[in-house]
Amino acid sequence: MKGKEALAKLWGGVTGTALRTIKSVEIVAPDIAVVRVNADFPEYKSRLLETYLLIKDDGQWRIRVHQAVTVQVQ
């Protein structure tokens, strides 16, 4: 997927609330950061363990890569 339009088409029908908590931020270079996040979905009793790779581009942090792994919650 690439671009806002493609992402909106993919995720536009998803309902519910995600409660995200940043677990860690690691600056690996002046313009590269790795951010780890827990995303909880209470109505589905599930959690995503998300990892973001952020690149500083023209003074602004932008998400370059997002990876998520689903974990069942009791």
C-alpha atoms as a PDB file:
ATOM      1  CA  MET A   1       0.000   0.000   0.000  1.00  0.00           C
ATOM      2  CA  LYS A   2       1.229   3.444  -0.759  1.00  0.00           C
ATOM      3  CA  GLY A   3      -0.419   6.795  -0.229  1.00  0.00           C
ATOM      4  CA  LYS A   4      -3.286   8.158   1.842  1.00  0.00           C
ATOM      5  CA  GLU A   5      -5.969   7.124  -0.634  1.00  0.00           C
ATOM      6  CA  ALA A   6      -4.860   3.482  -0.677  1.00  0.00           C
ATOM      7  CA  LEU A   7      -4.642   3.352   3.119  1.00  0.00           C
ATOM      8  CA  ALA A   8      -8.071   4.977   3.510  1.00  0.00           C
ATOM      9  CA  LYS A   9      -9.543   2.344   1.193  1.00  0.00           C
ATOM     10  CA  LEU A  10      -7.883  -0.465   3.153  1.00  0.00           C
ATOM     11  CA  TRP A  11      -8.719   0.792   6.658  1.00  0.00           C
ATOM     12  CA  GLY A  12     -11.825   2.936   6.006  1.00  0.00           C
ATOM     13  CA  GLY A  13     -14.291   0.281   7.179  1.00  0.00           C
ATOM     14  CA  VAL A  14     -12.499  -0.590  10.420  1.00  0.00           C
ATOM     15  CA  THR A  15     -14.467   0.396  13.516  1.00  0.00           C
ATOM     16  CA  GLY A  16     -13.604   0.617  17.204  1.00  0.00           C
ATOM     17  CA  THR A  17     -11.049   2.335  19.366  1.00  0.00           C
ATOM     18  CA  ALA A  18      -7.338   1.683  19.747  1.00  0.00           C
ATOM     19  CA  LEU A  19      -5.651   2.760  22.969  1.00  0.00           C
ATOM     20  CA  ARG A  20      -1.955   3.206  22.181  1.00  0.00           C
ATOM     21  CA  THR A  21       0.863   3.371  24.738  1.00  0.00           C
ATOM     22  CA  ILE A  22       4.414   4.191  23.710  1.00  0.00           C
ATOM     23  CA  LYS A  23       6.696   1.628  25.352  1.00  0.00           C
ATOM     24  CA  SER A  24      10.059   2.903  24.094  1.00  0.00           C
ATOM     25  CA  VAL A  25      11.740   5.352  21.749  1.00  0.00           C
ATOM     26  CA  GLU A  26      15.258   4.642  20.561  1.00  0.00           C
ATOM     27  CA  ILE A  27      17.143   7.249  18.561  1.00  0.00           C
ATOM     28  CA  VAL A  28      19.576   5.146  16.522  1.00  0.00           C
ATOM     29  CA  ALA A  29      20.943   8.081  14.489  1.00  0.00           C
ATOM     30  CA  PRO A  30      20.184  11.835  14.431  1.00  0.00           C
ATOM     31  CA  ASP A  31      17.519  11.246  11.775  1.00  0.00           C
ATOM     32  CA  ILE A  32      16.354   7.676  12.552  1.00  0.00           C
ATOM     33  CA  ALA A  33      14.192   6.458  15.461  1.00  0.00           C
ATOM     34  CA  VAL A  34      12.569   3.153  16.420  1.00  0.00           C
ATOM     35  CA  VAL A  35       9.329   3.454  18.417  1.00  0.00           C
ATOM     36  CA  ARG A  36       7.631   0.487  20.101  1.00  0.00           C
ATOM     37  CA  VAL A  37       3.937   0.769  20.957  1.00  0.00           C
ATOM     38  CA  ASN A  38       1.208  -1.359  22.572  1.00  0.00           C
ATOM     39  CA  ALA A  39      -2.131  -0.856  20.815  1.00  0.00           C
ATOM     40  CA  ASP A  40      -5.051  -2.249  22.826  1.00  0.00           C
ATOM     41  CA  PHE A  41      -8.462  -2.942  21.282  1.00  0.00           C
ATOM     42  CA  PRO A  42     -10.771  -3.533  24.284  1.00  0.00           C
ATOM     43  CA  GLU A  43     -13.863  -4.547  22.310  1.00  0.00           C
ATOM     44  CA  TYR A  44     -11.880  -7.265  20.495  1.00  0.00           C
ATOM     45  CA  LYS A  45      -9.823  -8.322  23.535  1.00  0.00           C
ATOM     46  CA  SER A  46      -6.658  -8.082  21.486  1.00  0.00           C
ATOM     47  CA  ARG A  47      -3.428  -6.155  21.404  1.00  0.00           C
ATOM     48  CA  LEU A  48      -1.023  -5.233  18.665  1.00  0.00           C
ATOM     49  CA  LEU A  49       2.664  -4.955  19.423  1.00  0.00           C
ATOM     50  CA  GLU A  50       3.678  -2.271  16.943  1.00  0.00           C
ATOM     51  CA  THR A  51       7.101  -1.140  15.815  1.00  0.00           C
ATOM     52  CA  TYR A  52       7.583   2.064  13.842  1.00  0.00           C
ATOM     53  CA  LEU A  53      10.696   3.174  11.999  1.00  0.00           C
ATOM     54  CA  LEU A  54      10.704   6.965  11.781  1.00  0.00           C
ATOM     55  CA  ILE A  55      12.937   8.991   9.486  1.00  0.00           C
ATOM     56  CA  LYS A  56      13.500  12.727   9.942  1.00  0.00           C
ATOM     57  CA  ASP A  57      12.839  14.275   6.547  1.00  0.00           C
ATOM     58  CA  ASP A  58      13.164  18.009   5.982  1.00  0.00           C
ATOM     59  CA  GLY A  59      12.883  18.642   9.738  1.00  0.00           C
ATOM     60  CA  GLN A  60       9.787  16.466  10.277  1.00  0.00           C
ATOM     61  CA  TRP A  61       9.545  12.909  11.608  1.00  0.00           C
ATOM     62  CA  ARG A  62       7.751  10.598   9.187  1.00  0.00           C
ATOM     63  CA  ILE A  63       6.786   6.944   9.505  1.00  0.00           C
ATOM     64  CA  ARG A  64       8.788   4.924   6.996  1.00  0.00           C
ATOM     65  CA  VAL A  65       7.948   1.403   8.225  1.00  0.00           C
ATOM     66  CA  HIS A  66       5.177   0.046  10.469  1.00  0.00           C
ATOM     67  CA  GLN A  67       5.052  -3.558  11.656  1.00  0.00           C
ATOM     68  CA  ALA A  68       2.373  -5.070  13.901  1.00  0.00           C
ATOM     69  CA  VAL A  69       2.007  -8.436  15.597  1.00  0.00           C
ATOM     70  CA  THR A  70      -1.340  -9.496  17.128  1.00  0.00           C
ATOM     71  CA  VAL A  71      -1.450 -10.786  20.710  1.00  0.00           C
ATOM     72  CA  GLN A  72      -4.598 -12.168  22.343  1.00  0.00           C
ATOM     73  CA  VAL A  73      -5.498 -10.594  25.704  1.00  0.00           C
ATOM     74  CA  GLN A  74      -7.495 -12.333  28.437  1.00  0.00           C
END
